[in-house]
């Protein structure tokens, strides 16, 4: 997953303001030749740059600052698309649809999903286990950037009601209160950010349907170009459409205009098997569904295509190591 150079340019400027010698960083990571905003920067270079940034700033809350202070310009056409939407609901749907647009971790190592639960909007952050020492920084950057993006789009702060984090309280936990305007909960089973859903249908101050259609086409083209070679990304929406009745591998291959053998080979080269993607989609849906106290475990199991309760329990134990009821009790 490459990263757009526009983000790297901004990151280097941000670090320069923190007193970091960015000329040395450019040379160390082969970034002296960056000349275009659209030039891709490899994920390996991006990761190494962030690890160096953590070391040189010595700031444990660097992720929060990167997310909250990030420039709107780093989003390119996606920023204009979201600002042109008619409502925050539309902007939210659009932003999640193209979450892979800026590169970096979002849409690849981190998948953000959204649902409405009992009058509240709920962002759920789902991680792949490939972030290593950058896990906390990546999560904090994403959560803080949700707040910054909502502020740009709405013209006011997002009315957060609750924040759950699946890691211990960091030393800089006090910084969370200033950004999220609530008392965060740590060591929870899932990462979720709740807010008052009333703002979802608020009219946008810069709405422009014609501009939105233009930017939508640009973002779609960019997103397809960025991820067109990623087979797991192409398979994902086929399963999300109906997790209870996903197409089998042969059917998915036919929809993607390739042979079943090619599908298996490309998925394997990316570290996936077809059933793993189905399980991942169902796990994400399950974690989100268990946050809704009005939805029974049995109802949730049927929604995801499990014919019997025991099969669902077995799958959930495999994903989390605990039962759905234990998971829900920790949440609620």
C-alpha atoms as a PDB file:
ATOM      1  CA  UNK A   1       0.000   0.000   0.000  1.00  0.00           C
ATOM      2  CA  UNK A   2       1.769   3.132  -1.195  1.00  0.00           C
ATOM      3  CA  UNK A   3       1.271   6.585   0.316  1.00  0.00           C
ATOM      4  CA  UNK A   4       0.694   9.764  -1.666  1.00  0.00           C
ATOM      5  CA  UNK A   5       3.622  12.162  -1.556  1.00  0.00           C
ATOM      6  CA  UNK A   6       1.299  15.006  -0.491  1.00  0.00           C
ATOM      7  CA  UNK A   7       0.989  13.353   2.933  1.00  0.00           C
ATOM      8  CA  UNK A   8       4.761  12.846   3.171  1.00  0.00           C
ATOM      9  CA  UNK A   9       5.385  16.514   2.290  1.00  0.00           C
ATOM     10  CA  UNK A  10       3.006  17.571   5.053  1.00  0.00           C
ATOM     11  CA  UNK A  11       4.479  15.077   7.534  1.00  0.00           C
ATOM     12  CA  UNK A  12       7.989  16.393   6.952  1.00  0.00           C
ATOM     13  CA  UNK A  13       6.806  19.989   7.426  1.00  0.00           C
ATOM     14  CA  UNK A  14       4.997  18.970  10.624  1.00  0.00           C
ATOM     15  CA  UNK A  15       8.133  17.289  11.986  1.00  0.00           C
ATOM     16  CA  UNK A  16      10.230  20.340  11.074  1.00  0.00           C
ATOM     17  CA  UNK A  17       7.964  22.437  13.316  1.00  0.00           C
ATOM     18  CA  UNK A  18       8.670  19.912  16.083  1.00  0.00           C
ATOM     19  CA  UNK A  19      12.396  20.634  15.782  1.00  0.00           C
ATOM     20  CA  UNK A  20      13.299  17.484  13.810  1.00  0.00           C
ATOM     21  CA  UNK A  21      16.085  17.693  11.205  1.00  0.00           C
ATOM     22  CA  UNK A  22      13.933  16.761   8.209  1.00  0.00           C
ATOM     23  CA  UNK A  23      16.785  17.184   5.700  1.00  0.00           C
ATOM     24  CA  UNK A  24      18.487  14.252   7.378  1.00  0.00           C
ATOM     25  CA  UNK A  25      15.233  12.287   7.305  1.00  0.00           C
ATOM     26  CA  UNK A  26      14.793  12.944   3.584  1.00  0.00           C
ATOM     27  CA  UNK A  27      18.274  11.669   2.832  1.00  0.00           C
ATOM     28  CA  UNK A  28      18.001   8.674   5.150  1.00  0.00           C
ATOM     29  CA  UNK A  29      14.780   7.478   3.511  1.00  0.00           C
ATOM     30  CA  UNK A  30      15.519   8.373  -0.107  1.00  0.00           C
ATOM     31  CA  UNK A  31      12.974  11.198  -0.272  1.00  0.00           C
ATOM     32  CA  UNK A  32      15.222  13.852  -1.827  1.00  0.00           C
ATOM     33  CA  UNK A  33      13.792  13.209  -5.298  1.00  0.00           C
ATOM     34  CA  UNK A  34      10.127  13.785  -4.426  1.00  0.00           C
ATOM     35  CA  UNK A  35       8.901  16.370  -6.916  1.00  0.00           C
ATOM     36  CA  UNK A  36       5.213  15.636  -7.487  1.00  0.00           C
ATOM     37  CA  UNK A  37       2.266  15.490  -5.083  1.00  0.00           C
ATOM     38  CA  UNK A  38       1.044  12.354  -6.855  1.00  0.00           C
ATOM     39  CA  UNK A  39       4.289  10.397  -6.615  1.00  0.00           C
ATOM     40  CA  UNK A  40       3.798   7.210  -4.589  1.00  0.00           C
ATOM     41  CA  UNK A  41       5.926   6.516  -1.515  1.00  0.00           C
ATOM     42  CA  UNK A  42       6.282   2.847  -0.578  1.00  0.00           C
ATOM     43  CA  UNK A  43       4.732   1.524   2.612  1.00  0.00           C
ATOM     44  CA  UNK A  44       8.183   0.427   3.787  1.00  0.00           C
ATOM     45  CA  UNK A  45       9.529   3.987   3.464  1.00  0.00           C
ATOM     46  CA  UNK A  46       6.454   5.462   5.130  1.00  0.00           C
ATOM     47  CA  UNK A  47       6.720   3.031   8.051  1.00  0.00           C
ATOM     48  CA  UNK A  48      10.439   3.680   8.514  1.00  0.00           C
ATOM     49  CA  UNK A  49       9.816   7.440   8.435  1.00  0.00           C
ATOM     50  CA  UNK A  50       7.170   7.205  11.172  1.00  0.00           C
ATOM     51  CA  UNK A  51       9.394   5.018  13.366  1.00  0.00           C
ATOM     52  CA  UNK A  52      12.155   7.612  13.043  1.00  0.00           C
ATOM     53  CA  UNK A  53       9.670  10.385  13.821  1.00  0.00           C
ATOM     54  CA  UNK A  54       8.596   8.620  17.031  1.00  0.00           C
ATOM     55  CA  UNK A  55      12.209   8.258  18.112  1.00  0.00           C
ATOM     56  CA  UNK A  56      13.339  11.780  17.242  1.00  0.00           C
ATOM     57  CA  UNK A  57      10.350  13.624  18.710  1.00  0.00           C
ATOM     58  CA  UNK A  58      10.172  11.454  21.827  1.00  0.00           C
ATOM     59  CA  UNK A  59       6.471  12.334  21.893  1.00  0.00           C
ATOM     60  CA  UNK A  60       4.227   9.420  22.965  1.00  0.00           C
ATOM     61  CA  UNK A  61       1.174  11.357  21.776  1.00  0.00           C
ATOM     62  CA  UNK A  62       2.560  11.940  18.289  1.00  0.00           C
ATOM     63  CA  UNK A  63      -0.298   9.974  16.673  1.00  0.00           C
ATOM     64  CA  UNK A  64      -2.954  12.227  18.213  1.00  0.00           C
ATOM     65  CA  UNK A  65      -1.161  15.340  16.996  1.00  0.00           C
ATOM     66  CA  UNK A  66      -0.656  13.957  13.489  1.00  0.00           C
ATOM     67  CA  UNK A  67      -4.332  13.094  13.193  1.00  0.00           C
ATOM     68  CA  UNK A  68      -5.788  16.244  14.728  1.00  0.00           C
ATOM     69  CA  UNK A  69      -3.468  18.746  13.055  1.00  0.00           C
ATOM     70  CA  UNK A  70      -3.333  17.061   9.665  1.00  0.00           C
ATOM     71  CA  UNK A  71      -3.811  19.425   6.725  1.00  0.00           C
ATOM     72  CA  UNK A  72      -6.968  19.161   4.646  1.00  0.00           C
ATOM     73  CA  UNK A  73      -4.765  19.399   1.558  1.00  0.00           C
ATOM     74  CA  UNK A  74      -3.349  15.918   2.182  1.00  0.00           C
ATOM     75  CA  UNK A  75      -6.710  14.435   1.151  1.00  0.00           C
ATOM     76  CA  UNK A  76      -6.616  15.916  -2.342  1.00  0.00           C
ATOM     77  CA  UNK A  77      -9.867  15.473  -4.309  1.00  0.00           C
ATOM     78  CA  UNK A  78     -11.447  13.432  -1.488  1.00  0.00           C
ATOM     79  CA  UNK A  79     -11.512  16.538   0.726  1.00  0.00           C
ATOM     80  CA  UNK A  80     -13.415  18.508  -1.901  1.00  0.00           C
ATOM     81  CA  UNK A  81     -15.813  15.594  -2.420  1.00  0.00           C
ATOM     82  CA  UNK A  82     -16.695  15.390   1.280  1.00  0.00           C
ATOM     83  CA  UNK A  83     -17.055  19.164   1.583  1.00  0.00           C
ATOM     84  CA  UNK A  84     -19.416  19.184  -1.414  1.00  0.00           C
ATOM     85  CA  UNK A  85     -21.803  16.563   0.030  1.00  0.00           C
ATOM     86  CA  UNK A  86     -25.352  17.594   0.990  1.00  0.00           C
ATOM     87  CA  UNK A  87     -25.369  16.107   4.510  1.00  0.00           C
ATOM     88  CA  UNK A  88     -22.853  14.787   7.001  1.00  0.00           C
ATOM     89  CA  UNK A  89     -24.347  11.317   6.485  1.00  0.00           C
ATOM     90  CA  UNK A  90     -23.461  11.507   2.791  1.00  0.00           C
ATOM     91  CA  UNK A  91     -19.975  12.847   3.540  1.00  0.00           C
ATOM     92  CA  UNK A  92     -19.439  10.099   6.113  1.00  0.00           C
ATOM     93  CA  UNK A  93     -20.499   7.353   3.677  1.00  0.00           C
ATOM     94  CA  UNK A  94     -18.252   8.819   0.988  1.00  0.00           C
ATOM     95  CA  UNK A  95     -15.235   9.137   3.265  1.00  0.00           C
ATOM     96  CA  UNK A  96     -15.491   5.503   4.355  1.00  0.00           C
ATOM     97  CA  UNK A  97     -16.048   4.327   0.784  1.00  0.00           C
ATOM     98  CA  UNK A  98     -12.732   5.890  -0.244  1.00  0.00           C
ATOM     99  CA  UNK A  99     -10.811   5.350   2.990  1.00  0.00           C
ATOM    100  CA  UNK A 100      -8.005   3.772   0.964  1.00  0.00           C
ATOM    101  CA  UNK A 101      -7.658   6.976  -1.107  1.00  0.00           C
ATOM    102  CA  UNK A 102      -4.820   8.672   0.837  1.00  0.00           C
ATOM    103  CA  UNK A 103      -2.796   5.478   1.231  1.00  0.00           C
ATOM    104  CA  UNK A 104      -0.900   4.834   4.474  1.00  0.00           C
ATOM    105  CA  UNK A 105      -2.734   2.404   6.789  1.00  0.00           C
ATOM    106  CA  UNK A 106      -6.393   3.313   6.281  1.00  0.00           C
ATOM    107  CA  UNK A 107      -8.335   0.904   4.105  1.00  0.00           C
ATOM    108  CA  UNK A 108      -5.576  -1.708   4.354  1.00  0.00           C
ATOM    109  CA  UNK A 109      -4.072  -2.359   7.786  1.00  0.00           C
ATOM    110  CA  UNK A 110      -6.965  -0.443   9.371  1.00  0.00           C
ATOM    111  CA  UNK A 111     -10.586  -0.801   8.250  1.00  0.00           C
ATOM    112  CA  UNK A 112     -13.119   1.687   9.661  1.00  0.00           C
ATOM    113  CA  UNK A 113     -16.809   0.767   9.584  1.00  0.00           C
ATOM    114  CA  UNK A 114     -19.890   2.724  10.609  1.00  0.00           C
ATOM    115  CA  UNK A 115     -23.337   1.947  12.012  1.00  0.00           C
ATOM    116  CA  UNK A 116     -26.120   3.621  13.973  1.00  0.00           C
ATOM    117  CA  UNK A 117     -26.854   2.179  17.395  1.00  0.00           C
ATOM    118  CA  UNK A 118     -29.669   3.446  19.574  1.00  0.00           C
ATOM    119  CA  UNK A 119     -29.582   7.048  18.338  1.00  0.00           C
ATOM    120  CA  UNK A 120     -25.803   7.218  18.128  1.00  0.00           C
ATOM    121  CA  UNK A 121     -23.379   7.024  15.236  1.00  0.00           C
ATOM    122  CA  UNK A 122     -20.602   4.503  15.822  1.00  0.00           C
ATOM    123  CA  UNK A 123     -17.237   4.324  14.084  1.00  0.00           C
ATOM    124  CA  UNK A 124     -15.555   0.978  14.672  1.00  0.00           C
ATOM    125  CA  UNK A 125     -11.826   0.633  14.006  1.00  0.00           C
ATOM    126  CA  UNK A 126     -10.684  -2.850  12.958  1.00  0.00           C
ATOM    127  CA  UNK A 127      -6.976  -3.687  12.745  1.00  0.00           C
ATOM    128  CA  UNK A 128      -4.889  -6.230  10.925  1.00  0.00           C
ATOM    129  CA  UNK A 129      -2.022  -7.516  13.009  1.00  0.00           C
ATOM    130  CA  UNK A 130       0.754  -6.096  10.829  1.00  0.00           C
ATOM    131  CA  UNK A 131       1.249  -2.681  12.414  1.00  0.00           C
ATOM    132  CA  UNK A 132       3.767  -3.797  15.042  1.00  0.00           C
ATOM    133  CA  UNK A 133       5.261  -0.883  17.025  1.00  0.00           C
ATOM    134  CA  UNK A 134       3.165   1.596  15.013  1.00  0.00           C
ATOM    135  CA  UNK A 135      -0.167   0.201  16.222  1.00  0.00           C
ATOM    136  CA  UNK A 136      -0.907   2.842  18.856  1.00  0.00           C
ATOM    137  CA  UNK A 137       0.304   5.727  16.695  1.00  0.00           C
ATOM    138  CA  UNK A 138      -1.805   4.539  13.729  1.00  0.00           C
ATOM    139  CA  UNK A 139      -4.969   4.119  15.813  1.00  0.00           C
ATOM    140  CA  UNK A 140      -4.561   7.466  17.589  1.00  0.00           C
ATOM    141  CA  UNK A 141      -3.882   9.218  14.288  1.00  0.00           C
ATOM    142  CA  UNK A 142      -7.042   7.733  12.765  1.00  0.00           C
ATOM    143  CA  UNK A 143      -9.287   8.542  15.741  1.00  0.00           C
ATOM    144  CA  UNK A 144      -7.998  12.109  16.021  1.00  0.00           C
ATOM    145  CA  UNK A 145      -8.318  12.570  12.274  1.00  0.00           C
ATOM    146  CA  UNK A 146     -11.983  11.543  12.400  1.00  0.00           C
ATOM    147  CA  UNK A 147     -12.454  14.493  14.755  1.00  0.00           C
ATOM    148  CA  UNK A 148     -10.495  16.856  12.503  1.00  0.00           C
ATOM    149  CA  UNK A 149     -12.319  15.725   9.357  1.00  0.00           C
ATOM    150  CA  UNK A 150     -15.726  16.112  11.004  1.00  0.00           C
ATOM    151  CA  UNK A 151     -14.751  19.633  12.069  1.00  0.00           C
ATOM    152  CA  UNK A 152     -13.816  20.562   8.496  1.00  0.00           C
ATOM    153  CA  UNK A 153     -16.941  19.053   7.001  1.00  0.00           C
ATOM    154  CA  UNK A 154     -19.546  20.029   9.607  1.00  0.00           C
ATOM    155  CA  UNK A 155     -18.106  23.387  10.502  1.00  0.00           C
ATOM    156  CA  UNK A 156     -18.358  22.382  14.177  1.00  0.00           C
ATOM    157  CA  UNK A 157     -16.891  19.716  16.513  1.00  0.00           C
ATOM    158  CA  UNK A 158     -18.279  16.190  16.300  1.00  0.00           C
ATOM    159  CA  UNK A 159     -20.557  15.693  19.378  1.00  0.00           C
ATOM    160  CA  UNK A 160     -18.765  12.648  20.813  1.00  0.00           C
ATOM    161  CA  UNK A 161     -20.602  10.694  23.506  1.00  0.00           C
ATOM    162  CA  UNK A 162     -18.211   7.806  24.146  1.00  0.00           C
ATOM    163  CA  UNK A 163     -14.767   6.519  23.145  1.00  0.00           C
ATOM    164  CA  UNK A 164     -13.675   2.918  23.669  1.00  0.00           C
ATOM    165  CA  UNK A 165     -10.063   1.819  23.138  1.00  0.00           C
ATOM    166  CA  UNK A 166      -8.816  -1.776  23.185  1.00  0.00           C
ATOM    167  CA  UNK A 167      -5.452  -0.909  24.752  1.00  0.00           C
ATOM    168  CA  UNK A 168      -4.281   0.209  28.217  1.00  0.00           C
ATOM    169  CA  UNK A 169      -4.421   3.897  29.099  1.00  0.00           C
ATOM    170  CA  UNK A 170      -1.232   5.487  27.676  1.00  0.00           C
ATOM    171  CA  UNK A 171       0.879   7.979  29.613  1.00  0.00           C
ATOM    172  CA  UNK A 172      -0.616  10.803  27.549  1.00  0.00           C
ATOM    173  CA  UNK A 173      -4.251   9.789  28.227  1.00  0.00           C
ATOM    174  CA  UNK A 174      -5.027  13.327  29.415  1.00  0.00           C
ATOM    175  CA  UNK A 175      -4.570  14.528  25.813  1.00  0.00           C
ATOM    176  CA  UNK A 176      -7.580  12.451  24.742  1.00  0.00           C
ATOM    177  CA  UNK A 177     -10.022  14.582  26.734  1.00  0.00           C
ATOM    178  CA  UNK A 178      -9.025  17.759  24.915  1.00  0.00           C
ATOM    179  CA  UNK A 179      -9.554  16.162  21.488  1.00  0.00           C
ATOM    180  CA  UNK A 180     -12.606  13.943  22.048  1.00  0.00           C
ATOM    181  CA  UNK A 181     -14.416  15.985  24.721  1.00  0.00           C
ATOM    182  CA  UNK A 182     -15.230  12.894  26.762  1.00  0.00           C
ATOM    183  CA  UNK A 183     -13.647  10.546  29.276  1.00  0.00           C
ATOM    184  CA  UNK A 184     -12.131   7.689  27.230  1.00  0.00           C
ATOM    185  CA  UNK A 185     -12.548   4.047  28.238  1.00  0.00           C
ATOM    186  CA  UNK A 186      -9.441   1.856  27.893  1.00  0.00           C
ATOM    187  CA  UNK A 187      -8.892  -1.922  27.880  1.00  0.00           C
ATOM    188  CA  UNK A 188     -12.228  -2.500  26.143  1.00  0.00           C
ATOM    189  CA  UNK A 189     -12.758  -5.401  23.680  1.00  0.00           C
ATOM    190  CA  UNK A 190     -13.151  -3.097  20.671  1.00  0.00           C
ATOM    191  CA  UNK A 191     -12.209   0.372  19.375  1.00  0.00           C
ATOM    192  CA  UNK A 192     -15.338   2.507  18.904  1.00  0.00           C
ATOM    193  CA  UNK A 193     -16.123   6.216  18.716  1.00  0.00           C
ATOM    194  CA  UNK A 194     -19.767   7.171  19.371  1.00  0.00           C
ATOM    195  CA  UNK A 195     -21.446  10.482  18.644  1.00  0.00           C
ATOM    196  CA  UNK A 196     -24.932  11.990  18.604  1.00  0.00           C
ATOM    197  CA  UNK A 197     -26.516  10.722  15.367  1.00  0.00           C
ATOM    198  CA  UNK A 198     -28.649  13.877  15.046  1.00  0.00           C
ATOM    199  CA  UNK A 199     -25.782  15.560  13.165  1.00  0.00           C
ATOM    200  CA  UNK A 200     -25.858  12.934  10.406  1.00  0.00           C
ATOM    201  CA  UNK A 201     -28.689  14.679   8.579  1.00  0.00           C
ATOM    202  CA  UNK A 202     -27.500  18.212   9.222  1.00  0.00           C
ATOM    203  CA  UNK A 203     -27.211  20.186   5.946  1.00  0.00           C
ATOM    204  CA  UNK A 204     -23.644  20.891   4.906  1.00  0.00           C
ATOM    205  CA  UNK A 205     -22.514  24.528   4.720  1.00  0.00           C
ATOM    206  CA  UNK A 206     -20.613  23.992   1.431  1.00  0.00           C
ATOM    207  CA  UNK A 207     -22.984  21.556  -0.303  1.00  0.00           C
ATOM    208  CA  UNK A 208     -22.648  21.431  -4.092  1.00  0.00           C
ATOM    209  CA  UNK A 209     -24.232  18.353  -5.754  1.00  0.00           C
ATOM    210  CA  UNK A 210     -22.686  19.099  -9.159  1.00  0.00           C
ATOM    211  CA  UNK A 211     -19.198  19.447  -7.664  1.00  0.00           C
ATOM    212  CA  UNK A 212     -19.762  16.260  -5.644  1.00  0.00           C
ATOM    213  CA  UNK A 213     -20.484  14.279  -8.830  1.00  0.00           C
ATOM    214  CA  UNK A 214     -17.295  15.575 -10.445  1.00  0.00           C
ATOM    215  CA  UNK A 215     -15.079  14.789  -7.437  1.00  0.00           C
ATOM    216  CA  UNK A 216     -16.755  11.390  -6.982  1.00  0.00           C
ATOM    217  CA  UNK A 217     -15.633  10.368 -10.467  1.00  0.00           C
ATOM    218  CA  UNK A 218     -12.079  11.541  -9.729  1.00  0.00           C
ATOM    219  CA  UNK A 219     -11.914   9.665  -6.420  1.00  0.00           C
ATOM    220  CA  UNK A 220     -13.335   6.478  -7.949  1.00  0.00           C
ATOM    221  CA  UNK A 221     -10.694   6.519 -10.675  1.00  0.00           C
ATOM    222  CA  UNK A 222      -7.884   7.175  -8.193  1.00  0.00           C
ATOM    223  CA  UNK A 223      -9.099   4.491  -5.785  1.00  0.00           C
ATOM    224  CA  UNK A 224      -9.389   1.854  -8.513  1.00  0.00           C
ATOM    225  CA  UNK A 225      -5.953   2.745  -9.861  1.00  0.00           C
ATOM    226  CA  UNK A 226      -4.415   2.509  -6.374  1.00  0.00           C
ATOM    227  CA  UNK A 227      -6.033  -0.781  -5.395  1.00  0.00           C
ATOM    228  CA  UNK A 228      -6.820  -2.386  -8.756  1.00  0.00           C
ATOM    229  CA  UNK A 229      -4.064  -4.955  -8.328  1.00  0.00           C
ATOM    230  CA  UNK A 230      -5.094  -5.870  -4.792  1.00  0.00           C
ATOM    231  CA  UNK A 231      -7.321  -8.944  -5.057  1.00  0.00           C
ATOM    232  CA  UNK A 232      -8.398  -8.965  -1.393  1.00  0.00           C
ATOM    233  CA  UNK A 233      -9.653  -5.381  -1.753  1.00  0.00           C
ATOM    234  CA  UNK A 234     -11.677  -6.392  -4.839  1.00  0.00           C
ATOM    235  CA  UNK A 235     -13.160  -9.432  -3.077  1.00  0.00           C
ATOM    236  CA  UNK A 236     -14.097  -7.536   0.101  1.00  0.00           C
ATOM    237  CA  UNK A 237     -17.177  -5.620  -1.223  1.00  0.00           C
ATOM    238  CA  UNK A 238     -18.584  -8.828  -2.774  1.00  0.00           C
ATOM    239  CA  UNK A 239     -18.781 -10.318   0.726  1.00  0.00           C
ATOM    240  CA  UNK A 240     -19.789  -7.156   2.591  1.00  0.00           C
ATOM    241  CA  UNK A 241     -22.862  -6.894   0.346  1.00  0.00           C
ATOM    242  CA  UNK A 242     -24.405  -9.958   2.069  1.00  0.00           C
ATOM    243  CA  UNK A 243     -22.192 -11.613   4.722  1.00  0.00           C
ATOM    244  CA  UNK A 244     -24.891 -14.229   5.375  1.00  0.00           C
ATOM    245  CA  UNK A 245     -24.826 -15.461   1.772  1.00  0.00           C
ATOM    246  CA  UNK A 246     -21.461 -14.560   0.268  1.00  0.00           C
ATOM    247  CA  UNK A 247     -20.540 -15.912  -3.165  1.00  0.00           C
ATOM    248  CA  UNK A 248     -18.286 -18.950  -3.144  1.00  0.00           C
ATOM    249  CA  UNK A 249     -14.774 -18.625  -4.552  1.00  0.00           C
ATOM    250  CA  UNK A 250     -15.802 -19.755  -8.048  1.00  0.00           C
ATOM    251  CA  UNK A 251     -18.684 -17.273  -8.155  1.00  0.00           C
ATOM    252  CA  UNK A 252     -16.433 -14.468  -6.883  1.00  0.00           C
ATOM    253  CA  UNK A 253     -13.843 -15.283  -9.544  1.00  0.00           C
ATOM    254  CA  UNK A 254     -16.528 -15.080 -12.242  1.00  0.00           C
ATOM    255  CA  UNK A 255     -17.648 -11.655 -10.961  1.00  0.00           C
ATOM    256  CA  UNK A 256     -14.046 -10.462 -11.000  1.00  0.00           C
ATOM    257  CA  UNK A 257     -13.491 -11.819 -14.520  1.00  0.00           C
ATOM    258  CA  UNK A 258     -10.704 -14.209 -13.579  1.00  0.00           C
ATOM    259  CA  UNK A 259     -10.317 -17.952 -13.088  1.00  0.00           C
ATOM    260  CA  UNK A 260     -10.748 -19.545  -9.620  1.00  0.00           C
ATOM    261  CA  UNK A 261      -7.095 -20.582  -9.808  1.00  0.00           C
ATOM    262  CA  UNK A 262      -5.980 -16.995 -10.456  1.00  0.00           C
ATOM    263  CA  UNK A 263      -8.145 -15.754  -7.585  1.00  0.00           C
ATOM    264  CA  UNK A 264      -6.629 -18.274  -5.152  1.00  0.00           C
ATOM    265  CA  UNK A 265      -3.078 -17.568  -6.346  1.00  0.00           C
ATOM    266  CA  UNK A 266      -3.386 -13.776  -6.029  1.00  0.00           C
ATOM    267  CA  UNK A 267      -5.062 -13.980  -2.623  1.00  0.00           C
ATOM    268  CA  UNK A 268      -2.356 -16.334  -1.397  1.00  0.00           C
ATOM    269  CA  UNK A 269       0.367 -13.943  -2.590  1.00  0.00           C
ATOM    270  CA  UNK A 270      -1.316 -11.215  -0.483  1.00  0.00           C
ATOM    271  CA  UNK A 271      -1.465 -13.477   2.579  1.00  0.00           C
ATOM    272  CA  UNK A 272      -5.163 -14.370   2.349  1.00  0.00           C
ATOM    273  CA  UNK A 273      -7.409 -17.346   1.741  1.00  0.00           C
ATOM    274  CA  UNK A 274     -10.931 -16.746   0.489  1.00  0.00           C
ATOM    275  CA  UNK A 275     -12.599 -18.086   3.647  1.00  0.00           C
ATOM    276  CA  UNK A 276     -10.397 -15.827   5.787  1.00  0.00           C
ATOM    277  CA  UNK A 277     -11.894 -12.761   4.122  1.00  0.00           C
ATOM    278  CA  UNK A 278     -15.419 -14.055   4.779  1.00  0.00           C
ATOM    279  CA  UNK A 279     -14.507 -14.677   8.413  1.00  0.00           C
ATOM    280  CA  UNK A 280     -12.937 -11.201   8.734  1.00  0.00           C
ATOM    281  CA  UNK A 281     -16.053  -9.490   7.368  1.00  0.00           C
ATOM    282  CA  UNK A 282     -18.280 -11.510   9.699  1.00  0.00           C
ATOM    283  CA  UNK A 283     -16.047 -10.775  12.688  1.00  0.00           C
ATOM    284  CA  UNK A 284     -16.243  -7.022  12.048  1.00  0.00           C
ATOM    285  CA  UNK A 285     -20.043  -7.202  11.705  1.00  0.00           C
ATOM    286  CA  UNK A 286     -20.291  -9.278  14.882  1.00  0.00           C
ATOM    287  CA  UNK A 287     -18.209  -6.915  17.014  1.00  0.00           C
ATOM    288  CA  UNK A 288     -20.329  -4.007  15.831  1.00  0.00           C
ATOM    289  CA  UNK A 289     -23.597  -5.911  16.304  1.00  0.00           C
ATOM    290  CA  UNK A 290     -22.750  -6.850  19.879  1.00  0.00           C
ATOM    291  CA  UNK A 291     -22.540  -3.147  20.689  1.00  0.00           C
ATOM    292  CA  UNK A 292     -26.287  -2.895  20.000  1.00  0.00           C
ATOM    293  CA  UNK A 293     -28.121  -4.034  23.165  1.00  0.00           C
ATOM    294  CA  UNK A 294     -31.388  -4.441  21.217  1.00  0.00           C
ATOM    295  CA  UNK A 295     -29.915  -7.203  19.022  1.00  0.00           C
ATOM    296  CA  UNK A 296     -29.805 -10.699  20.510  1.00  0.00           C
ATOM    297  CA  UNK A 297     -26.857 -13.022  19.935  1.00  0.00           C
ATOM    298  CA  UNK A 298     -29.146 -15.469  18.133  1.00  0.00           C
ATOM    299  CA  UNK A 299     -30.455 -12.750  15.797  1.00  0.00           C
ATOM    300  CA  UNK A 300     -26.915 -11.672  15.037  1.00  0.00           C
ATOM    301  CA  UNK A 301     -25.869 -15.241  14.254  1.00  0.00           C
ATOM    302  CA  UNK A 302     -28.713 -15.636  11.747  1.00  0.00           C
ATOM    303  CA  UNK A 303     -27.910 -12.263  10.146  1.00  0.00           C
ATOM    304  CA  UNK A 304     -24.405 -13.528   9.428  1.00  0.00           C
ATOM    305  CA  UNK A 305     -25.509 -16.835   7.930  1.00  0.00           C
ATOM    306  CA  UNK A 306     -24.959 -19.221  10.836  1.00  0.00           C
ATOM    307  CA  UNK A 307     -27.678 -21.872  10.871  1.00  0.00           C
ATOM    308  CA  UNK A 308     -27.047 -22.936  14.459  1.00  0.00           C
ATOM    309  CA  UNK A 309     -25.972 -21.154  17.621  1.00  0.00           C
ATOM    310  CA  UNK A 310     -23.066 -23.536  18.309  1.00  0.00           C
ATOM    311  CA  UNK A 311     -21.379 -22.792  14.975  1.00  0.00           C
ATOM    312  CA  UNK A 312     -21.516 -19.077  15.670  1.00  0.00           C
ATOM    313  CA  UNK A 313     -20.115 -19.539  19.194  1.00  0.00           C
ATOM    314  CA  UNK A 314     -17.254 -21.644  17.856  1.00  0.00           C
ATOM    315  CA  UNK A 315     -16.387 -19.033  15.226  1.00  0.00           C
ATOM    316  CA  UNK A 316     -16.522 -16.154  17.712  1.00  0.00           C
ATOM    317  CA  UNK A 317     -14.302 -17.983  20.200  1.00  0.00           C
ATOM    318  CA  UNK A 318     -11.786 -18.488  17.404  1.00  0.00           C
ATOM    319  CA  UNK A 319     -11.805 -14.751  16.632  1.00  0.00           C
ATOM    320  CA  UNK A 320     -11.702 -13.386  20.179  1.00  0.00           C
ATOM    321  CA  UNK A 321     -11.035 -16.198  22.645  1.00  0.00           C
ATOM    322  CA  UNK A 322     -14.292 -15.459  24.526  1.00  0.00           C
ATOM    323  CA  UNK A 323     -18.031 -15.959  23.997  1.00  0.00           C
ATOM    324  CA  UNK A 324     -20.305 -13.300  22.471  1.00  0.00           C
ATOM    325  CA  UNK A 325     -22.048 -12.805  25.825  1.00  0.00           C
ATOM    326  CA  UNK A 326     -18.724 -12.268  27.593  1.00  0.00           C
ATOM    327  CA  UNK A 327     -17.738  -9.791  24.878  1.00  0.00           C
ATOM    328  CA  UNK A 328     -21.015  -7.888  25.267  1.00  0.00           C
ATOM    329  CA  UNK A 329     -20.792  -7.832  29.047  1.00  0.00           C
ATOM    330  CA  UNK A 330     -17.335  -6.224  28.823  1.00  0.00           C
ATOM    331  CA  UNK A 331     -18.775  -3.573  26.531  1.00  0.00           C
ATOM    332  CA  UNK A 332     -21.983  -2.831  28.385  1.00  0.00           C
END
